Amino acid sequence: MSINIGINGFGRIGRLVMRAAKNNPKINIVAVNDPFIPVNYMEYMYKYDTVHGRCGQEVSSCEDTNSLTIDGSKVQVFGEKDPSKIQWGSAGADY
């Protein structure tokens, strides 16, 4: 059984959490919230970390659906400044 998780913030720590989770079959990242980073730049930062190197996963972004796709798994991207307004459930997040 796996759990579906949303990450609030996609800075260095958020990206490292996502990388670690992608290597754990019991964790699915289904959403990310960051009101300050456009989805196309999220794709770039995830692919090419200046300290940790390339992610080694297939990554793409879609501005129309505001989402990332990582190794075939869709990750919904939100841009809410107020965390209480994030619709985690609409992306299927348990936590």
N, C-alpha and C. Protein backbone atom coordinates (compact mmCIF):
# COMPACT_ATOMS: atom_id res chain seq x y z
N MET A 1 0.84 -1.19 0.00
CA MET A 1 0.00 0.00 0.00
C MET A 1 0.88 1.24 0.00
N SER A 2 0.51 2.22 -0.79
CA SER A 2 1.28 3.46 -0.85
C SER A 2 0.41 4.63 -0.41
N ILE A 3 1.08 5.72 -0.03
CA ILE A 3 0.36 6.93 0.37
C ILE A 3 0.62 8.03 -0.65
N ASN A 4 -0.35 8.90 -0.81
CA ASN A 4 -0.25 10.03 -1.73
C ASN A 4 0.03 11.29 -0.93
N ILE A 5 1.08 12.01 -1.34
CA ILE A 5 1.55 13.15 -0.57
C ILE A 5 1.61 14.40 -1.43
N GLY A 6 1.32 15.55 -0.81
CA GLY A 6 1.51 16.85 -1.43
C GLY A 6 2.66 17.56 -0.73
N ILE A 7 3.45 18.31 -1.49
CA ILE A 7 4.59 19.05 -0.94
C ILE A 7 4.28 20.54 -1.04
N ASN A 8 4.39 21.24 0.09
CA ASN A 8 4.18 22.68 0.10
C ASN A 8 5.55 23.35 0.06
N GLY A 9 5.91 23.86 -1.10
CA GLY A 9 7.20 24.52 -1.30
C GLY A 9 8.09 23.65 -2.18
N PHE A 10 8.67 24.25 -3.21
CA PHE A 10 9.49 23.49 -4.14
C PHE A 10 10.88 24.09 -4.26
N GLY A 11 11.40 24.56 -3.12
CA GLY A 11 12.79 25.00 -3.05
C GLY A 11 13.68 23.78 -2.93
N ARG A 12 14.88 23.97 -2.46
CA ARG A 12 15.84 22.86 -2.36
C ARG A 12 15.28 21.68 -1.58
N ILE A 13 14.66 21.94 -0.42
CA ILE A 13 14.15 20.85 0.41
C ILE A 13 12.99 20.14 -0.27
N GLY A 14 12.06 20.89 -0.83
CA GLY A 14 10.93 20.26 -1.53
C GLY A 14 11.38 19.37 -2.68
N ARG A 15 12.37 19.83 -3.43
CA ARG A 15 12.87 19.03 -4.55
C ARG A 15 13.58 17.77 -4.05
N LEU A 16 14.33 17.89 -2.97
CA LEU A 16 15.01 16.71 -2.42
C LEU A 16 14.03 15.70 -1.85
N VAL A 17 12.96 16.20 -1.23
CA VAL A 17 11.91 15.30 -0.74
C VAL A 17 11.28 14.56 -1.92
N MET A 18 11.03 15.26 -3.01
CA MET A 18 10.45 14.60 -4.18
C MET A 18 11.40 13.56 -4.76
N ARG A 19 12.67 13.88 -4.86
CA ARG A 19 13.65 12.90 -5.37
C ARG A 19 13.68 11.66 -4.49
N ALA A 20 13.71 11.85 -3.18
CA ALA A 20 13.75 10.70 -2.26
C ALA A 20 12.47 9.88 -2.37
N ALA A 21 11.33 10.55 -2.48
CA ALA A 21 10.05 9.84 -2.57
C ALA A 21 9.95 9.04 -3.86
N LYS A 22 10.52 9.55 -4.95
CA LYS A 22 10.45 8.83 -6.22
C LYS A 22 11.22 7.52 -6.17
N ASN A 23 12.12 7.37 -5.21
CA ASN A 23 12.87 6.12 -5.05
C ASN A 23 12.22 5.18 -4.04
N ASN A 24 11.07 5.58 -3.49
CA ASN A 24 10.36 4.76 -2.51
C ASN A 24 9.00 4.36 -3.09
N PRO A 25 8.78 3.09 -3.37
CA PRO A 25 7.52 2.67 -3.99
C PRO A 25 6.29 2.84 -3.09
N LYS A 26 6.49 3.13 -1.82
CA LYS A 26 5.36 3.31 -0.91
C LYS A 26 4.87 4.75 -0.84
N ILE A 27 5.54 5.64 -1.57
CA ILE A 27 5.19 7.06 -1.55
C ILE A 27 4.95 7.57 -2.97
N ASN A 28 3.81 8.25 -3.17
CA ASN A 28 3.48 8.90 -4.44
C ASN A 28 3.34 10.39 -4.18
N ILE A 29 4.12 11.20 -4.86
CA ILE A 29 3.93 12.64 -4.79
C ILE A 29 2.89 12.99 -5.85
N VAL A 30 1.76 13.54 -5.41
CA VAL A 30 0.67 13.84 -6.35
C VAL A 30 0.44 15.33 -6.55
N ALA A 31 1.05 16.17 -5.69
CA ALA A 31 0.85 17.61 -5.81
C ALA A 31 2.01 18.38 -5.19
N VAL A 32 2.21 19.57 -5.72
CA VAL A 32 3.22 20.50 -5.20
C VAL A 32 2.58 21.88 -5.18
N ASN A 33 2.82 22.62 -4.11
CA ASN A 33 2.37 24.01 -4.06
C ASN A 33 3.57 24.93 -3.93
N ASP A 34 3.67 25.90 -4.80
CA ASP A 34 4.65 26.96 -4.67
C ASP A 34 4.16 28.15 -5.48
N PRO A 35 3.78 29.23 -4.80
CA PRO A 35 3.21 30.37 -5.52
C PRO A 35 4.24 31.23 -6.25
N PHE A 36 5.52 30.94 -6.07
CA PHE A 36 6.55 31.82 -6.62
C PHE A 36 7.33 31.22 -7.79
N ILE A 37 7.10 29.96 -8.13
CA ILE A 37 7.88 29.30 -9.17
C ILE A 37 6.95 28.81 -10.28
N PRO A 38 7.14 29.28 -11.52
CA PRO A 38 6.33 28.78 -12.63
C PRO A 38 6.65 27.31 -12.91
N VAL A 39 5.67 26.60 -13.43
CA VAL A 39 5.80 25.15 -13.63
C VAL A 39 6.95 24.79 -14.57
N ASN A 40 7.21 25.60 -15.58
CA ASN A 40 8.31 25.29 -16.49
C ASN A 40 9.68 25.43 -15.79
N TYR A 41 9.78 26.35 -14.84
CA TYR A 41 11.03 26.49 -14.08
C TYR A 41 11.15 25.39 -13.02
N MET A 42 10.01 24.92 -12.50
CA MET A 42 10.03 23.76 -11.60
C MET A 42 10.64 22.56 -12.31
N GLU A 43 10.23 22.37 -13.56
CA GLU A 43 10.77 21.27 -14.36
C GLU A 43 12.29 21.39 -14.46
N TYR A 44 12.76 22.57 -14.81
CA TYR A 44 14.20 22.79 -14.97
C TYR A 44 14.96 22.56 -13.66
N MET A 45 14.45 23.14 -12.57
CA MET A 45 15.16 23.00 -11.29
C MET A 45 15.18 21.55 -10.80
N TYR A 46 14.11 20.82 -11.06
CA TYR A 46 14.08 19.42 -10.64
C TYR A 46 15.06 18.59 -11.47
N LYS A 47 15.12 18.85 -12.75
CA LYS A 47 16.01 18.10 -13.63
C LYS A 47 17.48 18.35 -13.33
N TYR A 48 17.82 19.62 -13.07
CA TYR A 48 19.23 20.02 -12.99
C TYR A 48 19.53 20.74 -11.67
N ASP A 49 19.74 20.01 -10.61
CA ASP A 49 20.08 20.61 -9.33
C ASP A 49 21.57 20.93 -9.30
N THR A 50 21.94 22.14 -8.90
CA THR A 50 23.34 22.56 -8.95
C THR A 50 24.22 21.81 -7.95
N VAL A 51 23.64 21.29 -6.88
CA VAL A 51 24.42 20.55 -5.89
C VAL A 51 24.30 19.04 -6.09
N HIS A 52 23.09 18.56 -6.34
CA HIS A 52 22.82 17.12 -6.39
C HIS A 52 22.83 16.55 -7.81
N GLY A 53 23.01 17.40 -8.80
CA GLY A 53 23.12 16.92 -10.18
C GLY A 53 21.78 16.63 -10.83
N ARG A 54 21.86 15.94 -11.95
CA ARG A 54 20.65 15.60 -12.71
C ARG A 54 19.85 14.53 -11.99
N CYS A 55 18.54 14.61 -12.15
CA CYS A 55 17.66 13.71 -11.39
C CYS A 55 17.62 12.29 -11.95
N GLY A 56 17.92 12.11 -13.23
CA GLY A 56 17.90 10.77 -13.81
C GLY A 56 16.50 10.23 -14.08
N GLN A 57 15.51 11.12 -14.08
CA GLN A 57 14.13 10.73 -14.36
C GLN A 57 13.63 11.52 -15.56
N GLU A 58 12.62 11.00 -16.23
CA GLU A 58 11.99 11.70 -17.35
C GLU A 58 11.04 12.75 -16.76
N VAL A 59 11.31 14.02 -17.04
CA VAL A 59 10.53 15.11 -16.44
C VAL A 59 10.02 16.04 -17.54
N SER A 60 8.75 16.40 -17.45
CA SER A 60 8.18 17.39 -18.36
C SER A 60 7.16 18.23 -17.60
N SER A 61 6.83 19.38 -18.17
CA SER A 61 5.83 20.24 -17.55
C SER A 61 4.79 20.63 -18.58
N CYS A 62 3.62 20.97 -18.09
CA CYS A 62 2.54 21.42 -18.96
C CYS A 62 1.90 22.65 -18.31
N GLU A 63 2.06 23.79 -18.95
CA GLU A 63 1.49 25.02 -18.41
C GLU A 63 -0.03 25.04 -18.54
N ASP A 64 -0.58 24.35 -19.55
CA ASP A 64 -2.04 24.32 -19.74
C ASP A 64 -2.75 23.65 -18.57
N THR A 65 -2.18 22.54 -18.07
CA THR A 65 -2.80 21.82 -16.96
C THR A 65 -2.11 22.13 -15.63
N ASN A 66 -1.09 22.99 -15.68
CA ASN A 66 -0.32 23.36 -14.50
C ASN A 66 0.15 22.11 -13.75
N SER A 67 0.91 21.29 -14.46
CA SER A 67 1.35 20.03 -13.87
C SER A 67 2.75 19.65 -14.35
N LEU A 68 3.37 18.79 -13.57
CA LEU A 68 4.63 18.15 -13.93
C LEU A 68 4.33 16.69 -14.20
N THR A 69 5.10 16.07 -15.05
CA THR A 69 5.03 14.63 -15.23
C THR A 69 6.43 14.09 -14.99
N ILE A 70 6.53 13.17 -14.04
CA ILE A 70 7.83 12.60 -13.68
C ILE A 70 7.73 11.09 -13.83
N ASP A 71 8.51 10.56 -14.75
CA ASP A 71 8.49 9.12 -15.07
C ASP A 71 7.06 8.62 -15.29
N GLY A 72 6.26 9.43 -15.99
CA GLY A 72 4.90 9.04 -16.34
C GLY A 72 3.85 9.33 -15.28
N SER A 73 4.25 9.80 -14.11
CA SER A 73 3.30 10.12 -13.04
C SER A 73 3.03 11.62 -13.01
N LYS A 74 1.74 11.97 -13.08
CA LYS A 74 1.35 13.38 -13.08
C LYS A 74 1.40 13.94 -11.65
N VAL A 75 1.95 15.16 -11.54
CA VAL A 75 2.00 15.88 -10.28
C VAL A 75 1.31 17.22 -10.50
N GLN A 76 0.19 17.43 -9.82
CA GLN A 76 -0.56 18.68 -9.94
C GLN A 76 0.19 19.80 -9.24
N VAL A 77 0.28 20.97 -9.88
CA VAL A 77 0.99 22.10 -9.29
C VAL A 77 -0.01 23.19 -8.93
N PHE A 78 0.08 23.66 -7.68
CA PHE A 78 -0.75 24.75 -7.20
C PHE A 78 0.13 25.97 -6.95
N GLY A 79 -0.47 27.13 -6.93
CA GLY A 79 0.26 28.37 -6.69
C GLY A 79 -0.39 29.22 -5.63
N GLU A 80 -0.84 28.61 -4.56
CA GLU A 80 -1.55 29.32 -3.49
C GLU A 80 -0.59 29.89 -2.45
N LYS A 81 -0.76 31.17 -2.13
CA LYS A 81 0.03 31.78 -1.07
C LYS A 81 -0.51 31.40 0.31
N ASP A 82 -1.81 31.19 0.41
CA ASP A 82 -2.45 30.81 1.67
C ASP A 82 -2.61 29.29 1.70
N PRO A 83 -1.83 28.58 2.52
CA PRO A 83 -1.90 27.11 2.55
C PRO A 83 -3.29 26.53 2.83
N SER A 84 -4.13 27.28 3.53
CA SER A 84 -5.48 26.78 3.83
C SER A 84 -6.35 26.70 2.57
N LYS A 85 -5.94 27.35 1.50
CA LYS A 85 -6.71 27.34 0.25
C LYS A 85 -6.25 26.29 -0.75
N ILE A 86 -5.21 25.55 -0.42
CA ILE A 86 -4.70 24.54 -1.35
C ILE A 86 -5.68 23.37 -1.39
N GLN A 87 -6.07 22.96 -2.58
CA GLN A 87 -7.02 21.88 -2.77
C GLN A 87 -6.29 20.54 -2.91
N TRP A 88 -5.61 20.11 -1.84
CA TRP A 88 -4.84 18.87 -1.88
C TRP A 88 -5.69 17.68 -2.29
N GLY A 89 -6.91 17.63 -1.77
CA GLY A 89 -7.79 16.50 -2.07
C GLY A 89 -8.12 16.36 -3.53
N SER A 90 -8.17 17.47 -4.26
CA SER A 90 -8.48 17.40 -5.69
C SER A 90 -7.38 16.72 -6.48
N ALA A 91 -6.18 16.66 -5.90
CA ALA A 91 -5.06 15.97 -6.54
C ALA A 91 -4.90 14.55 -6.01
N GLY A 92 -5.71 14.20 -5.01
CA GLY A 92 -5.64 12.86 -4.45
C GLY A 92 -4.66 12.70 -3.31
N ALA A 93 -4.23 13.81 -2.72
CA ALA A 93 -3.25 13.74 -1.62
C ALA A 93 -3.91 13.27 -0.33
N ASP A 94 -3.25 12.32 0.34
CA ASP A 94 -3.69 11.87 1.66
C ASP A 94 -3.08 12.74 2.75
N TYR A 95 -1.86 13.21 2.50
CA TYR A 95 -1.11 14.03 3.47
C TYR A 95 -0.47 15.20 2.78
